[in-house]
Amino acid sequence: MEKYDVVVLGGGPGGYLCAERAAQAGFKAAVVEKRALGGTCLNEGCVPTKAFLYCAKNYNAAKHAETYGFEAKDVKINHAAVVDRKNKIVKTLVGGVGATMKSNKIKVYDAEGSIKGRGAEGFEINAGNEVIACDRLVIATGSVTAVPPINGLKEGLESGFVVTNREVLDLKELPKSIVCLGGGVIGLEMACYFSTVGTKVTIVEMMPKIAGPTDADICKLLQKTYEKEGMEFMLNAKVQEVGKDSVTYEDATGKHTIKCDKVLLAAGRRANIAGVNVEALGIETNRGAIVTDSHMCTNVQGVYAVGDCNGKLMLAHTAYREAEVAVHHMQGVKDDMRYDHIPSVIYTNPEVASVGYSEEKAKEAGFNVKTYKVPMMMSGRYVAETLNGDGFCKLVYDLDKKCLVGVHMVGNYASEMIYGAAMLLDTEMPIERIKKIVFPHPTVSEVIREGLFMIK
């Protein structure tokens, strides 16, 4: 039986980085991954969707060629080529993760992993037909698409009429119409792609607004933008049934049926611990997710859980940080996981990015705040590159602590600017100190500085 210092179940962002950091810290490490290194993020989520959206953004620019000073006639989208490009990108990056594992002497088991129990050599792990042992176990099995109990949904998934984030990225042809069940991040990003390239898109969302906890003003702007392009939103709507070629939902006005070619199931995700056999060690769970403390420790000494499987904040960059915290705990290095200043991004066009409290949540938490809203049009670069843009940056300012507690943006480059806002919040840098930072000109980030000088 092969013995390791650390075995990681799952090769997604949290899993492969945890193994890498463990190896760099001097531990003998192994990863057990049944599908492909990179997990959902690299193979079926973060990266391939961005490949799709980048193609759509360029296609949209070509359709408005005259605005940017060039000619482009009879512009068409080649969806098969978009999928092919996506596959090449994924293959390259998955190969890169594999090379990183190899260079760090990390053994990768291409097999389904599960917990066998505890033996004389430590924790015993099933890795396909092999059994391996370890002193420390990290569970990083990610998440899966949540499948709500809707009549006909299971049958739709089996027939291929309903697709998840996995299958939608491999459709050979563009559907003429698609209904997205859910108006969260996954639904909005894929709706953005399909709507831009000519598919009729309808979003059915049971909440009164799209984009979940995102700032309400940003949600309104996103919806307004896409309604202009023909996208339809059915809010406060509960799906009743999925038929062979339709979706039936109910709202305050009664029941309605929408005919469509495809249905995208984007009603959220849930922790993936089925088949892991956490019961063998008595690992505590809550609502289907593994319970962890601020060091990513479970209730079983020597067992950790990082990434979506702990259900805390299902973002790849959260998993990266959790992995580092877990390895630090193994080393005896003092470190804690904090979730209050983790940025979130929706890669629609326009992009959305936020960190920290919204005005509403800040007041609920007892902060004495004031909000300042800055139009993106105050940035020269934004005006130069954006056609009729109406994006903005919203700063949530703590009047007592004299520092920012929230930053929310909608507009080009929001995803690339939000990390800077996260640092300002995490360090609780005083406003007067931030005002002395020199922002490069012309950049869209200057809207943050413009907002700072609104604060008195």
Foldseek 3Di string as FASTA:
>chain_A
DAEWAEEEEAQALLRLLLQLVLLVVPTAYAYFHQPAHRPCCLQQHVQLLVLLQVLLVVLLCQVVVVVVPDHDPPRADQLQVSLVVSVVRSVVVSVVSVVSCVVSVYHYQNAHKAWPAADPSGTWMDRHPDIYHHPFYEYEHAWDFDDDPAAASVVCVVVVQEDESNVVSVDNDQWQEEEEEAQAQSSQSVQLSNLSNHHAYEYEELAQFHHPPADPVVRVVSVVVVVVSRYHYHYNWAWHHDDPFWTWIAHPVGIDIDGTRHYYYDHDIAADCVPRPPVSHPWDDDPQAGDAAFLQDTPGPNYGYAACRNPDDHDSVRSSVSSVSNSCVVVVHDDTRDDQFDKDWRVHVFIKIKGFDDQVVCVVVPFDWDKFKFFLVVFPVQVVPDDPDGKIKMWIAGPVLQFTGMIIITGPPNVVQSVVVSVRNVVRDHLVVVLPDDDDPRDSNCSVNVRSVVPD
